[in-house]
Amino acid sequence: MAFILDKHTTRWQEVRARTLIPGRVMVLEILWFDEQILSCLNIYAPNDARKNEEFWIKLRANWKARSSLPTPCIILEDMNIVEEAIDRLPAYENLTGPTRALAALKSQLNLADGWRQENPITIKFLSQMINRPIQSRIDMLTKDKDLLDDLEQMGIRYQVDLKDSIEGRTEERNPQTIYKNFKKEILKKVRMRSKKVKPKILKDIECLRKDQ
């Protein structure tokens, strides 16, 4: 298990990486825009259904018990479980135990399956079993749910403003200026979210330094 960073576009020499469960869970903290800290969680869950359920329960308890762990902005995960029937071929009902345990962890960390939220009826498989007609989407990118909701609403407003600017185009209000302002709003929203999360992360880092 590892994170791969582009050394030309990231401050890779200043990252902080921790292994929570060897071969299963890693946390990466990296400096981002305006000295903000981006926290990423990398997960490779067990394939066995019983062990998979136990894994999510253990990880959730681990997060509750260790206050120094940062709330992840992004989770990169191979869950070895399919939450929705639409993400499996042939489609069938999910295993209740593992999916409930995973849902509890995501709820605790306020995270959501970003791709599925934006594509609720799209079928796209990422994994296929060799010599068997079975496909699934088990590799996921999970994101901050609050930020996703905010960006979705901003996107809806952008579409409305864009349509209005085409029908009543002026020098101050046109598709180009609407798009420019839309990008500024997104950047502002992401920075505000980072500033909200940063104090807790810095506090956690300070606590770790005192414990050393």
C-alpha atoms as a PDB file:
ATOM      1  CA  MET A   1       0.000   0.000   0.000  1.00  0.00           C
ATOM      2  CA  ALA A   2       1.321   3.426  -0.946  1.00  0.00           C
ATOM      3  CA  PHE A   3       0.509   6.943  -2.111  1.00  0.00           C
ATOM      4  CA  ILE A   4       2.071   8.180  -5.361  1.00  0.00           C
ATOM      5  CA  LEU A   5       2.608  11.949  -5.625  1.00  0.00           C
ATOM      6  CA  ASP A   6       3.725  14.082  -8.537  1.00  0.00           C
ATOM      7  CA  LYS A   7       6.898  15.737  -7.255  1.00  0.00           C
ATOM      8  CA  HIS A   8       6.539  18.529  -9.802  1.00  0.00           C
ATOM      9  CA  THR A   9       3.098  19.675  -8.626  1.00  0.00           C
ATOM     10  CA  THR A  10       3.033  18.735  -4.911  1.00  0.00           C
ATOM     11  CA  ARG A  11       5.097  19.599  -1.856  1.00  0.00           C
ATOM     12  CA  TRP A  12       5.979  15.939  -1.524  1.00  0.00           C
ATOM     13  CA  GLN A  13       8.978  16.530   0.762  1.00  0.00           C
ATOM     14  CA  GLU A  14       6.686  17.975   3.431  1.00  0.00           C
ATOM     15  CA  VAL A  15       4.046  15.237   3.514  1.00  0.00           C
ATOM     16  CA  ARG A  16       3.179  13.303   6.631  1.00  0.00           C
ATOM     17  CA  ALA A  17       2.180   9.680   6.129  1.00  0.00           C
ATOM     18  CA  ARG A  18       1.021   7.218   8.776  1.00  0.00           C
ATOM     19  CA  THR A  19       0.162   3.524   8.587  1.00  0.00           C
ATOM     20  CA  LEU A  20      -2.855   2.709  10.742  1.00  0.00           C
ATOM     21  CA  ILE A  21      -3.248  -0.941   9.737  1.00  0.00           C
ATOM     22  CA  PRO A  22      -0.267  -2.428   7.846  1.00  0.00           C
ATOM     23  CA  GLY A  23      -1.256  -3.289   4.289  1.00  0.00           C
ATOM     24  CA  ARG A  24      -4.800  -2.010   4.870  1.00  0.00           C
ATOM     25  CA  VAL A  25      -5.011   1.647   5.939  1.00  0.00           C
ATOM     26  CA  MET A  26      -2.783   4.688   5.461  1.00  0.00           C
ATOM     27  CA  VAL A  27      -3.320   8.398   6.142  1.00  0.00           C
ATOM     28  CA  LEU A  28      -1.530  11.121   4.190  1.00  0.00           C
ATOM     29  CA  GLU A  29      -1.436  14.829   5.087  1.00  0.00           C
ATOM     30  CA  ILE A  30      -0.062  17.219   2.489  1.00  0.00           C
ATOM     31  CA  LEU A  31       0.201  21.002   2.312  1.00  0.00           C
ATOM     32  CA  TRP A  32      -2.149  22.416  -0.314  1.00  0.00           C
ATOM     33  CA  PHE A  33      -3.310  25.887  -1.358  1.00  0.00           C
ATOM     34  CA  ASP A  34      -2.536  28.775   1.035  1.00  0.00           C
ATOM     35  CA  GLU A  35      -0.784  26.442   3.486  1.00  0.00           C
ATOM     36  CA  GLN A  36      -3.974  24.422   3.922  1.00  0.00           C
ATOM     37  CA  ILE A  37      -3.646  20.748   4.803  1.00  0.00           C
ATOM     38  CA  LEU A  38      -5.297  18.110   2.632  1.00  0.00           C
ATOM     39  CA  SER A  39      -5.837  14.775   4.396  1.00  0.00           C
ATOM     40  CA  CYS A  40      -6.289  11.578   2.373  1.00  0.00           C
ATOM     41  CA  LEU A  41      -7.214   8.118   3.609  1.00  0.00           C
ATOM     42  CA  ASN A  42      -6.104   5.071   1.610  1.00  0.00           C
ATOM     43  CA  ILE A  43      -8.002   1.823   2.261  1.00  0.00           C
ATOM     44  CA  TYR A  44      -7.691  -1.760   1.031  1.00  0.00           C
ATOM     45  CA  ALA A  45     -10.428  -3.771   2.745  1.00  0.00           C
ATOM     46  CA  PRO A  46     -10.451  -7.584   3.199  1.00  0.00           C
ATOM     47  CA  ASN A  47     -12.290  -9.675   0.620  1.00  0.00           C
ATOM     48  CA  ASP A  48     -13.935 -12.129   3.045  1.00  0.00           C
ATOM     49  CA  ALA A  49     -17.395 -10.845   4.030  1.00  0.00           C
ATOM     50  CA  ARG A  50     -17.025 -11.479   7.774  1.00  0.00           C
ATOM     51  CA  LYS A  51     -13.537  -9.950   7.894  1.00  0.00           C
ATOM     52  CA  ASN A  52     -14.756  -7.064   5.763  1.00  0.00           C
ATOM     53  CA  GLU A  53     -17.483  -6.192   8.267  1.00  0.00           C
ATOM     54  CA  GLU A  54     -15.056  -6.508  11.192  1.00  0.00           C
ATOM     55  CA  PHE A  55     -12.588  -4.271   9.348  1.00  0.00           C
ATOM     56  CA  TRP A  56     -15.035  -1.334   9.018  1.00  0.00           C
ATOM     57  CA  ILE A  57     -16.160  -1.697  12.637  1.00  0.00           C
ATOM     58  CA  LYS A  58     -12.543  -1.755  13.831  1.00  0.00           C
ATOM     59  CA  LEU A  59     -11.611   1.249  11.690  1.00  0.00           C
ATOM     60  CA  ARG A  60     -14.579   3.258  12.986  1.00  0.00           C
ATOM     61  CA  ALA A  61     -13.693   2.424  16.603  1.00  0.00           C
ATOM     62  CA  ASN A  62     -10.073   3.323  15.871  1.00  0.00           C
ATOM     63  CA  TRP A  63     -11.142   6.749  14.623  1.00  0.00           C
ATOM     64  CA  LYS A  64     -13.286   7.370  17.686  1.00  0.00           C
ATOM     65  CA  ALA A  65     -10.509   6.367  20.061  1.00  0.00           C
ATOM     66  CA  ARG A  66      -7.697   8.351  18.399  1.00  0.00           C
ATOM     67  CA  SER A  67      -8.503  12.062  18.496  1.00  0.00           C
ATOM     68  CA  SER A  68      -5.221  12.866  16.724  1.00  0.00           C
ATOM     69  CA  LEU A  69      -6.465  11.343  13.464  1.00  0.00           C
ATOM     70  CA  PRO A  70      -7.470  14.024  10.937  1.00  0.00           C
ATOM     71  CA  THR A  71     -10.908  13.974   9.362  1.00  0.00           C
ATOM     72  CA  PRO A  72     -10.163  12.863   5.773  1.00  0.00           C
ATOM     73  CA  CYS A  73     -11.100  15.139   2.900  1.00  0.00           C
ATOM     74  CA  ILE A  74     -10.807  12.248   0.445  1.00  0.00           C
ATOM     75  CA  ILE A  75     -10.827   8.458   0.744  1.00  0.00           C
ATOM     76  CA  LEU A  76      -9.155   6.356  -1.938  1.00  0.00           C
ATOM     77  CA  GLU A  77     -10.479   2.883  -1.453  1.00  0.00           C
ATOM     78  CA  ASP A  78     -10.704  -0.667  -2.681  1.00  0.00           C
ATOM     79  CA  MET A  79     -13.578  -1.725  -0.435  1.00  0.00           C
ATOM     80  CA  ASN A  80     -14.028  -5.280  -1.731  1.00  0.00           C
ATOM     81  CA  ILE A  81     -17.729  -4.707  -1.213  1.00  0.00           C
ATOM     82  CA  VAL A  82     -20.477  -3.248  -3.398  1.00  0.00           C
ATOM     83  CA  GLU A  83     -22.937  -0.930  -1.656  1.00  0.00           C
ATOM     84  CA  GLU A  84     -25.500  -0.570  -4.445  1.00  0.00           C
ATOM     85  CA  ALA A  85     -27.005  -3.299  -6.638  1.00  0.00           C
ATOM     86  CA  ILE A  86     -26.507  -1.052  -9.680  1.00  0.00           C
ATOM     87  CA  ASP A  87     -22.742  -1.357  -9.163  1.00  0.00           C
ATOM     88  CA  ARG A  88     -22.788  -5.141  -9.559  1.00  0.00           C
ATOM     89  CA  LEU A  89     -23.384  -7.488 -12.487  1.00  0.00           C
ATOM     90  CA  PRO A  90     -25.405  -9.626 -12.070  1.00  0.00           C
ATOM     91  CA  ALA A  91     -27.262  -7.314  -9.675  1.00  0.00           C
ATOM     92  CA  TYR A  92     -28.412  -8.678  -6.308  1.00  0.00           C
ATOM     93  CA  GLU A  93     -29.035  -7.438  -2.785  1.00  0.00           C
ATOM     94  CA  ASN A  94     -26.070  -6.295  -0.715  1.00  0.00           C
ATOM     95  CA  LEU A  95     -24.624  -8.092   2.288  1.00  0.00           C
ATOM     96  CA  THR A  96     -26.257  -6.249   5.198  1.00  0.00           C
ATOM     97  CA  GLY A  97     -23.458  -6.510   7.777  1.00  0.00           C
ATOM     98  CA  PRO A  98     -20.538  -5.125   5.768  1.00  0.00           C
ATOM     99  CA  THR A  99     -22.582  -2.391   4.051  1.00  0.00           C
ATOM    100  CA  ARG A 100     -24.047  -1.177   7.346  1.00  0.00           C
ATOM    101  CA  ALA A 101     -20.627  -1.111   8.956  1.00  0.00           C
ATOM    102  CA  LEU A 102     -19.207   0.877   6.027  1.00  0.00           C
ATOM    103  CA  ALA A 103     -22.173   3.263   6.027  1.00  0.00           C
ATOM    104  CA  ALA A 104     -21.633   3.936   9.735  1.00  0.00           C
ATOM    105  CA  LEU A 105     -17.983   4.861   9.113  1.00  0.00           C
ATOM    106  CA  LYS A 106     -18.877   7.157   6.204  1.00  0.00           C
ATOM    107  CA  SER A 107     -21.559   8.823   8.302  1.00  0.00           C
ATOM    108  CA  GLN A 108     -19.130   9.356  11.170  1.00  0.00           C
ATOM    109  CA  LEU A 109     -16.575  10.963   8.835  1.00  0.00           C
ATOM    110  CA  ASN A 110     -19.289  12.831   6.862  1.00  0.00           C
ATOM    111  CA  LEU A 111     -18.178  11.346   3.535  1.00  0.00           C
ATOM    112  CA  ALA A 112     -20.050  10.252   0.425  1.00  0.00           C
ATOM    113  CA  ASP A 113     -19.434   8.294  -2.765  1.00  0.00           C
ATOM    114  CA  GLY A 114     -18.867  11.351  -4.952  1.00  0.00           C
ATOM    115  CA  TRP A 115     -19.122   9.604  -8.316  1.00  0.00           C
ATOM    116  CA  ARG A 116     -22.357   7.749  -7.488  1.00  0.00           C
ATOM    117  CA  GLN A 117     -23.907  10.904  -6.032  1.00  0.00           C
ATOM    118  CA  GLU A 118     -23.214  12.748  -9.287  1.00  0.00           C
ATOM    119  CA  ASN A 119     -24.195   9.761 -11.474  1.00  0.00           C
ATOM    120  CA  PRO A 120     -27.140   8.093  -9.669  1.00  0.00           C
ATOM    121  CA  ILE A 121     -28.276   5.883 -12.561  1.00  0.00           C
ATOM    122  CA  THR A 122     -25.051   5.416 -14.539  1.00  0.00           C
ATOM    123  CA  ILE A 123     -23.635   1.892 -14.798  1.00  0.00           C
ATOM    124  CA  LYS A 124     -19.847   1.719 -14.895  1.00  0.00           C
ATOM    125  CA  PHE A 125     -17.862  -1.312 -13.759  1.00  0.00           C
ATOM    126  CA  LEU A 126     -14.198  -1.137 -12.747  1.00  0.00           C
ATOM    127  CA  SER A 127     -13.537  -4.747 -11.818  1.00  0.00           C
ATOM    128  CA  GLN A 128     -14.168  -8.057 -13.604  1.00  0.00           C
ATOM    129  CA  MET A 129     -13.531 -11.564 -12.333  1.00  0.00           C
ATOM    130  CA  ILE A 130     -11.337 -13.731 -14.541  1.00  0.00           C
ATOM    131  CA  ASN A 131     -13.233 -16.540 -16.322  1.00  0.00           C
ATOM    132  CA  ARG A 132     -16.520 -15.509 -14.678  1.00  0.00           C
ATOM    133  CA  PRO A 133     -19.212 -13.116 -16.022  1.00  0.00           C
ATOM    134  CA  ILE A 134     -19.135 -10.976 -12.867  1.00  0.00           C
ATOM    135  CA  GLN A 135     -18.343  -7.260 -12.826  1.00  0.00           C
ATOM    136  CA  SER A 136     -18.482  -4.602 -10.111  1.00  0.00           C
ATOM    137  CA  ARG A 137     -17.450  -1.118  -9.022  1.00  0.00           C
ATOM    138  CA  ILE A 138     -15.444  -1.618  -5.829  1.00  0.00           C
ATOM    139  CA  ASP A 139     -12.689   0.984  -6.310  1.00  0.00           C
ATOM    140  CA  MET A 140     -14.013   4.340  -5.169  1.00  0.00           C
ATOM    141  CA  LEU A 141     -13.125   7.947  -4.484  1.00  0.00           C
ATOM    142  CA  THR A 142     -15.087   9.165  -1.474  1.00  0.00           C
ATOM    143  CA  LYS A 143     -15.330  12.888  -0.743  1.00  0.00           C
ATOM    144  CA  ASP A 144     -16.436  15.415   1.865  1.00  0.00           C
ATOM    145  CA  LYS A 145     -20.260  15.229   1.745  1.00  0.00           C
ATOM    146  CA  ASP A 146     -20.926  18.823   2.811  1.00  0.00           C
ATOM    147  CA  LEU A 147     -18.550  20.176   0.194  1.00  0.00           C
ATOM    148  CA  LEU A 148     -20.120  17.959  -2.476  1.00  0.00           C
ATOM    149  CA  ASP A 149     -23.588  19.261  -1.629  1.00  0.00           C
ATOM    150  CA  ASP A 150     -22.413  22.869  -1.760  1.00  0.00           C
ATOM    151  CA  LEU A 151     -20.661  22.409  -5.095  1.00  0.00           C
ATOM    152  CA  GLU A 152     -23.733  20.706  -6.551  1.00  0.00           C
ATOM    153  CA  GLN A 153     -25.923  23.691  -5.625  1.00  0.00           C
ATOM    154  CA  MET A 154     -23.326  26.063  -7.066  1.00  0.00           C
ATOM    155  CA  GLY A 155     -23.346  24.075 -10.302  1.00  0.00           C
ATOM    156  CA  ILE A 156     -27.142  24.322 -10.540  1.00  0.00           C
ATOM    157  CA  ARG A 157     -27.015  28.085 -10.061  1.00  0.00           C
ATOM    158  CA  TYR A 158     -24.246  28.314 -12.662  1.00  0.00           C
ATOM    159  CA  GLN A 159     -26.388  26.529 -15.259  1.00  0.00           C
ATOM    160  CA  VAL A 160     -29.295  28.931 -14.618  1.00  0.00           C
ATOM    161  CA  ASP A 161     -27.057  32.013 -14.745  1.00  0.00           C
ATOM    162  CA  LEU A 162     -25.402  30.747 -17.913  1.00  0.00           C
ATOM    163  CA  LYS A 163     -28.749  30.321 -19.669  1.00  0.00           C
ATOM    164  CA  ASP A 164     -29.907  33.764 -18.558  1.00  0.00           C
ATOM    165  CA  SER A 165     -26.672  35.388 -19.737  1.00  0.00           C
ATOM    166  CA  ILE A 166     -27.075  33.901 -23.218  1.00  0.00           C
ATOM    167  CA  GLU A 167     -30.615  35.174 -23.560  1.00  0.00           C
ATOM    168  CA  GLY A 168     -29.806  38.631 -22.170  1.00  0.00           C
ATOM    169  CA  ARG A 169     -26.120  39.044 -22.919  1.00  0.00           C
ATOM    170  CA  THR A 170     -24.351  42.229 -21.812  1.00  0.00           C
ATOM    171  CA  GLU A 171     -20.722  43.295 -21.558  1.00  0.00           C
ATOM    172  CA  GLU A 172     -20.759  42.771 -17.788  1.00  0.00           C
ATOM    173  CA  ARG A 173     -22.885  39.615 -17.816  1.00  0.00           C
ATOM    174  CA  ASN A 174     -22.127  36.981 -20.437  1.00  0.00           C
ATOM    175  CA  PRO A 175     -21.019  33.300 -20.525  1.00  0.00           C
ATOM    176  CA  GLN A 176     -17.356  34.284 -20.134  1.00  0.00           C
ATOM    177  CA  THR A 177     -17.885  36.451 -17.039  1.00  0.00           C
ATOM    178  CA  ILE A 178     -20.342  33.931 -15.545  1.00  0.00           C
ATOM    179  CA  TYR A 179     -17.784  31.129 -15.921  1.00  0.00           C
ATOM    180  CA  LYS A 180     -14.995  33.280 -14.480  1.00  0.00           C
ATOM    181  CA  ASN A 181     -17.079  34.112 -11.401  1.00  0.00           C
ATOM    182  CA  PHE A 182     -18.142  30.468 -11.066  1.00  0.00           C
ATOM    183  CA  LYS A 183     -14.499  29.358 -10.854  1.00  0.00           C
ATOM    184  CA  LYS A 184     -13.786  32.049  -8.259  1.00  0.00           C
ATOM    185  CA  GLU A 185     -16.731  30.894  -6.151  1.00  0.00           C
ATOM    186  CA  ILE A 186     -15.589  27.267  -6.262  1.00  0.00           C
ATOM    187  CA  LEU A 187     -12.056  28.206  -5.199  1.00  0.00           C
ATOM    188  CA  LYS A 188     -13.448  30.384  -2.403  1.00  0.00           C
ATOM    189  CA  LYS A 189     -15.696  27.568  -1.172  1.00  0.00           C
ATOM    190  CA  VAL A 190     -12.865  25.014  -1.146  1.00  0.00           C
ATOM    191  CA  ARG A 191     -10.577  27.429   0.723  1.00  0.00           C
ATOM    192  CA  MET A 192     -13.277  28.157   3.296  1.00  0.00           C
ATOM    193  CA  ARG A 193     -13.759  24.439   3.868  1.00  0.00           C
ATOM    194  CA  SER A 194      -9.999  23.968   4.243  1.00  0.00           C
ATOM    195  CA  LYS A 195      -9.799  26.801   6.776  1.00  0.00           C
ATOM    196  CA  LYS A 196     -12.595  25.179   8.762  1.00  0.00           C
ATOM    197  CA  VAL A 197     -10.790  21.834   8.910  1.00  0.00           C
ATOM    198  CA  LYS A 198      -7.242  23.171   9.359  1.00  0.00           C
ATOM    199  CA  PRO A 199      -7.461  24.309  13.036  1.00  0.00           C
ATOM    200  CA  LYS A 200      -8.432  20.833  14.205  1.00  0.00           C
ATOM    201  CA  ILE A 201      -5.630  19.239  12.199  1.00  0.00           C
ATOM    202  CA  LEU A 202      -3.051  21.690  13.581  1.00  0.00           C
ATOM    203  CA  LYS A 203      -4.309  21.012  17.099  1.00  0.00           C
ATOM    204  CA  ASP A 204      -3.967  17.265  16.523  1.00  0.00           C
ATOM    205  CA  ILE A 205      -0.417  17.718  15.208  1.00  0.00           C
ATOM    206  CA  GLU A 206       0.515  19.785  18.274  1.00  0.00           C
ATOM    207  CA  CYS A 207      -0.838  17.084  20.565  1.00  0.00           C
ATOM    208  CA  LEU A 208       1.281  14.491  18.760  1.00  0.00           C
ATOM    209  CA  ARG A 209       4.385  16.650  19.163  1.00  0.00           C
ATOM    210  CA  LYS A 210       3.777  16.922  22.901  1.00  0.00           C
ATOM    211  CA  ASP A 211       3.405  13.155  23.175  1.00  0.00           C
ATOM    212  CA  GLN A 212       6.779  12.509  21.507  1.00  0.00           C
END
